[in-house]
N, C-alpha and C. Protein backbone atom coordinates (compact mmCIF):
# COMPACT_ATOMS: atom_id res chain seq x y z
N MET A 1 -52.72 -57.74 -25.24
CA MET A 1 -51.60 -57.02 -25.78
C MET A 1 -50.77 -57.98 -26.65
N ASN A 2 -50.46 -57.50 -27.80
CA ASN A 2 -49.66 -58.36 -28.67
C ASN A 2 -48.17 -58.14 -28.39
N ASP A 3 -47.33 -58.87 -29.07
CA ASP A 3 -45.89 -58.83 -28.82
C ASP A 3 -45.29 -57.47 -29.15
N THR A 4 -45.79 -56.84 -30.18
CA THR A 4 -45.26 -55.53 -30.57
C THR A 4 -45.54 -54.50 -29.49
N GLN A 5 -46.73 -54.51 -28.96
CA GLN A 5 -47.08 -53.57 -27.89
C GLN A 5 -46.26 -53.84 -26.63
N LYS A 6 -46.01 -55.12 -26.32
CA LYS A 6 -45.19 -55.46 -25.16
C LYS A 6 -43.75 -54.94 -25.34
N MET A 7 -43.21 -55.11 -26.56
CA MET A 7 -41.85 -54.63 -26.82
C MET A 7 -41.79 -53.10 -26.71
N LEU A 8 -42.78 -52.44 -27.25
CA LEU A 8 -42.81 -50.97 -27.15
C LEU A 8 -42.94 -50.54 -25.69
N GLN A 9 -43.74 -51.22 -24.93
CA GLN A 9 -43.91 -50.90 -23.52
C GLN A 9 -42.61 -51.12 -22.76
N ASP A 10 -41.88 -52.20 -23.07
CA ASP A 10 -40.59 -52.46 -22.43
C ASP A 10 -39.57 -51.37 -22.78
N ILE A 11 -39.57 -50.95 -24.04
CA ILE A 11 -38.65 -49.89 -24.46
C ILE A 11 -38.98 -48.60 -23.73
N ILE A 12 -40.25 -48.27 -23.64
CA ILE A 12 -40.67 -47.04 -22.95
C ILE A 12 -40.31 -47.12 -21.47
N ASN A 13 -40.52 -48.25 -20.85
CA ASN A 13 -40.16 -48.44 -19.44
C ASN A 13 -38.65 -48.31 -19.24
N GLY A 14 -37.86 -48.89 -20.16
CA GLY A 14 -36.41 -48.79 -20.08
C GLY A 14 -35.95 -47.35 -20.22
N GLN A 15 -36.55 -46.62 -21.15
CA GLN A 15 -36.19 -45.21 -21.32
C GLN A 15 -36.58 -44.39 -20.09
N SER A 16 -37.71 -44.71 -19.51
CA SER A 16 -38.16 -44.02 -18.30
C SER A 16 -37.18 -44.27 -17.15
N THR A 17 -36.72 -45.50 -17.03
CA THR A 17 -35.76 -45.85 -15.98
C THR A 17 -34.43 -45.11 -16.20
N ILE A 18 -33.96 -45.08 -17.43
CA ILE A 18 -32.72 -44.37 -17.75
C ILE A 18 -32.88 -42.89 -17.43
N LYS A 19 -34.04 -42.34 -17.78
CA LYS A 19 -34.28 -40.91 -17.51
C LYS A 19 -34.23 -40.64 -16.01
N GLN A 20 -34.82 -41.48 -15.20
CA GLN A 20 -34.81 -41.30 -13.75
C GLN A 20 -33.39 -41.39 -13.20
N GLU A 21 -32.61 -42.33 -13.71
CA GLU A 21 -31.22 -42.46 -13.27
C GLU A 21 -30.41 -41.22 -13.64
N LEU A 22 -30.61 -40.73 -14.86
CA LEU A 22 -29.89 -39.54 -15.30
C LEU A 22 -30.29 -38.32 -14.46
N LEU A 23 -31.55 -38.19 -14.15
CA LEU A 23 -32.01 -37.07 -13.34
C LEU A 23 -31.41 -37.12 -11.93
N SER A 24 -31.31 -38.32 -11.38
CA SER A 24 -30.72 -38.43 -10.03
C SER A 24 -29.23 -38.08 -10.08
N LYS A 25 -28.52 -38.51 -11.12
CA LYS A 25 -27.10 -38.16 -11.27
C LYS A 25 -26.92 -36.65 -11.45
N ILE A 26 -27.79 -36.05 -12.24
CA ILE A 26 -27.72 -34.60 -12.45
C ILE A 26 -27.95 -33.86 -11.14
N ASP A 27 -28.89 -34.34 -10.34
CA ASP A 27 -29.15 -33.72 -9.03
C ASP A 27 -27.92 -33.82 -8.12
N GLU A 28 -27.24 -34.96 -8.15
CA GLU A 28 -26.02 -35.12 -7.34
C GLU A 28 -24.94 -34.14 -7.79
N VAL A 29 -24.79 -34.00 -9.10
CA VAL A 29 -23.79 -33.07 -9.62
C VAL A 29 -24.15 -31.64 -9.23
N ASP A 30 -25.42 -31.29 -9.29
CA ASP A 30 -25.86 -29.95 -8.89
C ASP A 30 -25.53 -29.68 -7.43
N LYS A 31 -25.74 -30.67 -6.58
CA LYS A 31 -25.43 -30.50 -5.15
C LYS A 31 -23.93 -30.29 -4.95
N LYS A 32 -23.12 -31.06 -5.67
CA LYS A 32 -21.67 -30.91 -5.56
C LYS A 32 -21.22 -29.54 -6.04
N VAL A 33 -21.80 -29.07 -7.13
CA VAL A 33 -21.46 -27.75 -7.66
C VAL A 33 -21.86 -26.66 -6.66
N ASP A 34 -23.01 -26.82 -6.03
CA ASP A 34 -23.44 -25.84 -5.03
C ASP A 34 -22.48 -25.80 -3.85
N ARG A 35 -22.01 -26.97 -3.41
CA ARG A 35 -21.04 -27.02 -2.31
C ARG A 35 -19.73 -26.35 -2.72
N LEU A 36 -19.29 -26.59 -3.95
CA LEU A 36 -18.06 -25.96 -4.44
C LEU A 36 -18.23 -24.44 -4.52
N ASP A 37 -19.39 -23.98 -4.96
CA ASP A 37 -19.65 -22.54 -5.02
C ASP A 37 -19.56 -21.92 -3.64
N ALA A 38 -20.09 -22.62 -2.64
CA ALA A 38 -20.02 -22.10 -1.28
C ALA A 38 -18.57 -22.03 -0.80
N LYS A 39 -17.79 -23.05 -1.12
CA LYS A 39 -16.38 -23.05 -0.72
C LYS A 39 -15.62 -21.92 -1.41
N VAL A 40 -15.89 -21.72 -2.69
CA VAL A 40 -15.22 -20.65 -3.44
C VAL A 40 -15.59 -19.30 -2.86
N ALA A 41 -16.84 -19.11 -2.50
CA ALA A 41 -17.27 -17.85 -1.90
C ALA A 41 -16.56 -17.63 -0.57
N GLY A 42 -16.40 -18.69 0.20
CA GLY A 42 -15.67 -18.58 1.48
C GLY A 42 -14.21 -18.22 1.26
N LEU A 43 -13.60 -18.81 0.25
CA LEU A 43 -12.21 -18.51 -0.06
C LEU A 43 -12.06 -17.06 -0.55
N ASP A 44 -13.02 -16.59 -1.32
CA ASP A 44 -12.98 -15.20 -1.78
C ASP A 44 -13.00 -14.25 -0.59
N GLY A 45 -13.83 -14.56 0.39
CA GLY A 45 -13.89 -13.72 1.59
C GLY A 45 -12.57 -13.73 2.35
N LYS A 46 -11.96 -14.90 2.47
CA LYS A 46 -10.68 -15.00 3.17
C LYS A 46 -9.59 -14.24 2.42
N ILE A 47 -9.58 -14.37 1.10
CA ILE A 47 -8.58 -13.67 0.30
C ILE A 47 -8.75 -12.16 0.44
N ASP A 48 -9.99 -11.69 0.46
CA ASP A 48 -10.24 -10.26 0.62
C ASP A 48 -9.72 -9.77 1.97
N LYS A 49 -9.92 -10.57 3.03
CA LYS A 49 -9.44 -10.18 4.36
C LYS A 49 -7.92 -10.11 4.39
N VAL A 50 -7.27 -11.12 3.80
CA VAL A 50 -5.81 -11.15 3.78
C VAL A 50 -5.28 -9.96 2.97
N GLU A 51 -5.91 -9.68 1.84
CA GLU A 51 -5.47 -8.57 1.01
C GLU A 51 -5.61 -7.24 1.75
N LYS A 52 -6.69 -7.09 2.49
CA LYS A 52 -6.90 -5.86 3.25
C LYS A 52 -5.83 -5.71 4.33
N ARG A 53 -5.54 -6.80 5.05
CA ARG A 53 -4.52 -6.74 6.10
C ARG A 53 -3.15 -6.44 5.51
N LEU A 54 -2.81 -7.08 4.38
CA LEU A 54 -1.52 -6.82 3.76
C LEU A 54 -1.41 -5.38 3.29
N THR A 55 -2.49 -4.86 2.73
CA THR A 55 -2.48 -3.47 2.28
C THR A 55 -2.26 -2.54 3.46
N GLN A 56 -2.91 -2.81 4.57
CA GLN A 56 -2.73 -1.97 5.76
C GLN A 56 -1.29 -2.05 6.25
N ARG A 57 -0.72 -3.24 6.26
CA ARG A 57 0.66 -3.40 6.74
C ARG A 57 1.64 -2.68 5.81
N LEU A 58 1.42 -2.82 4.51
CA LEU A 58 2.31 -2.14 3.57
C LEU A 58 2.20 -0.62 3.69
N ASP A 59 0.98 -0.13 3.89
CA ASP A 59 0.80 1.31 4.09
C ASP A 59 1.53 1.77 5.35
N LYS A 60 1.44 0.99 6.40
CA LYS A 60 2.11 1.35 7.65
C LYS A 60 3.63 1.34 7.47
N ILE A 61 4.16 0.32 6.82
CA ILE A 61 5.60 0.25 6.57
C ILE A 61 6.04 1.41 5.68
N GLY A 62 5.24 1.72 4.68
CA GLY A 62 5.57 2.84 3.79
C GLY A 62 5.62 4.16 4.52
N SER A 63 4.65 4.39 5.40
CA SER A 63 4.66 5.65 6.15
C SER A 63 5.83 5.69 7.13
N GLN A 64 6.16 4.56 7.75
CA GLN A 64 7.32 4.52 8.64
C GLN A 64 8.61 4.81 7.87
N LEU A 65 8.71 4.26 6.69
CA LEU A 65 9.88 4.50 5.86
C LEU A 65 9.97 5.97 5.45
N ALA A 66 8.83 6.58 5.14
CA ALA A 66 8.83 7.99 4.77
C ALA A 66 9.28 8.85 5.95
N TYR A 67 8.78 8.55 7.15
CA TYR A 67 9.20 9.30 8.33
C TYR A 67 10.70 9.12 8.59
N LEU A 68 11.18 7.89 8.43
CA LEU A 68 12.59 7.62 8.64
C LEU A 68 13.44 8.37 7.62
N GLU A 69 12.98 8.40 6.39
CA GLU A 69 13.71 9.12 5.34
C GLU A 69 13.75 10.61 5.63
N ASP A 70 12.68 11.14 6.18
CA ASP A 70 12.65 12.56 6.52
C ASP A 70 13.65 12.88 7.63
N ASP A 71 13.89 11.94 8.52
CA ASP A 71 14.79 12.17 9.65
C ASP A 71 16.26 12.00 9.30
N THR A 72 16.56 11.32 8.24
CA THR A 72 17.97 11.08 7.91
C THR A 72 18.59 12.32 7.29
N PRO A 73 19.83 12.61 7.63
CA PRO A 73 20.48 13.78 7.06
C PRO A 73 20.88 13.54 5.60
N THR A 74 20.92 14.62 4.85
CA THR A 74 21.39 14.52 3.47
C THR A 74 22.91 14.43 3.48
N ARG A 75 23.49 14.21 2.34
CA ARG A 75 24.95 14.09 2.24
C ARG A 75 25.62 15.40 2.67
N GLU A 76 25.05 16.52 2.24
CA GLU A 76 25.62 17.82 2.60
C GLU A 76 25.52 18.06 4.11
N GLU A 77 24.38 17.72 4.69
CA GLU A 77 24.22 17.89 6.13
C GLU A 77 25.20 16.98 6.89
N TYR A 78 25.43 15.79 6.39
CA TYR A 78 26.36 14.87 7.03
C TYR A 78 27.78 15.44 6.97
N ASP A 79 28.16 15.98 5.82
CA ASP A 79 29.49 16.59 5.70
C ASP A 79 29.64 17.76 6.65
N ASP A 80 28.60 18.59 6.77
CA ASP A 80 28.64 19.72 7.70
C ASP A 80 28.78 19.25 9.14
N LEU A 81 28.08 18.16 9.46
CA LEU A 81 28.18 17.62 10.81
C LEU A 81 29.61 17.15 11.11
N GLU A 82 30.24 16.54 10.14
CA GLU A 82 31.61 16.08 10.33
C GLU A 82 32.54 17.26 10.62
N LYS A 83 32.36 18.36 9.90
CA LYS A 83 33.17 19.55 10.13
C LYS A 83 32.91 20.11 11.53
N ARG A 84 31.64 20.14 11.93
CA ARG A 84 31.31 20.66 13.25
C ARG A 84 31.90 19.81 14.36
N VAL A 85 31.87 18.48 14.18
CA VAL A 85 32.43 17.58 15.17
C VAL A 85 33.94 17.79 15.26
N ASP A 86 34.59 17.96 14.12
CA ASP A 86 36.03 18.22 14.13
C ASP A 86 36.34 19.51 14.90
N LYS A 87 35.54 20.56 14.69
CA LYS A 87 35.74 21.83 15.40
C LYS A 87 35.58 21.64 16.91
N ILE A 88 34.53 20.88 17.28
CA ILE A 88 34.28 20.66 18.70
C ILE A 88 35.41 19.83 19.32
N GLU A 89 35.90 18.85 18.60
CA GLU A 89 37.01 18.04 19.12
C GLU A 89 38.24 18.90 19.32
N LYS A 90 38.54 19.76 18.38
CA LYS A 90 39.69 20.64 18.51
C LYS A 90 39.50 21.59 19.69
N TYR A 91 38.30 22.09 19.86
CA TYR A 91 38.02 23.03 20.97
C TYR A 91 38.17 22.33 22.31
N THR A 92 37.66 21.07 22.41
CA THR A 92 37.77 20.36 23.69
C THR A 92 39.20 19.94 23.99
N VAL A 93 39.97 19.64 22.99
CA VAL A 93 41.36 19.25 23.18
C VAL A 93 42.18 20.49 23.60
N ALA A 94 41.85 21.64 23.03
CA ALA A 94 42.58 22.87 23.34
C ALA A 94 42.32 23.35 24.75
N THR A 95 41.16 23.06 25.30
CA THR A 95 40.87 23.56 26.65
C THR A 95 41.22 22.61 27.71
């Protein structure tokens, strides 16, 4: 082998070594990305669970508020009650 062939062989060997190093680094990055994808998927599941629970709680609070609103007297009903109480007070005082 002459000097030119030796130099070409060294260059090819160097490129081959660089290629192997790059491939190993790429594999490491792929593994890290896969782990991150798994973590993101887990977080998505947790967020979905929290969102479902919050929606259920808000629905429950909303229905309780609607029932409470239905039970409260209107302004006119409140005024009528005040008149009725006054009548009853006068009746009890008179007897």
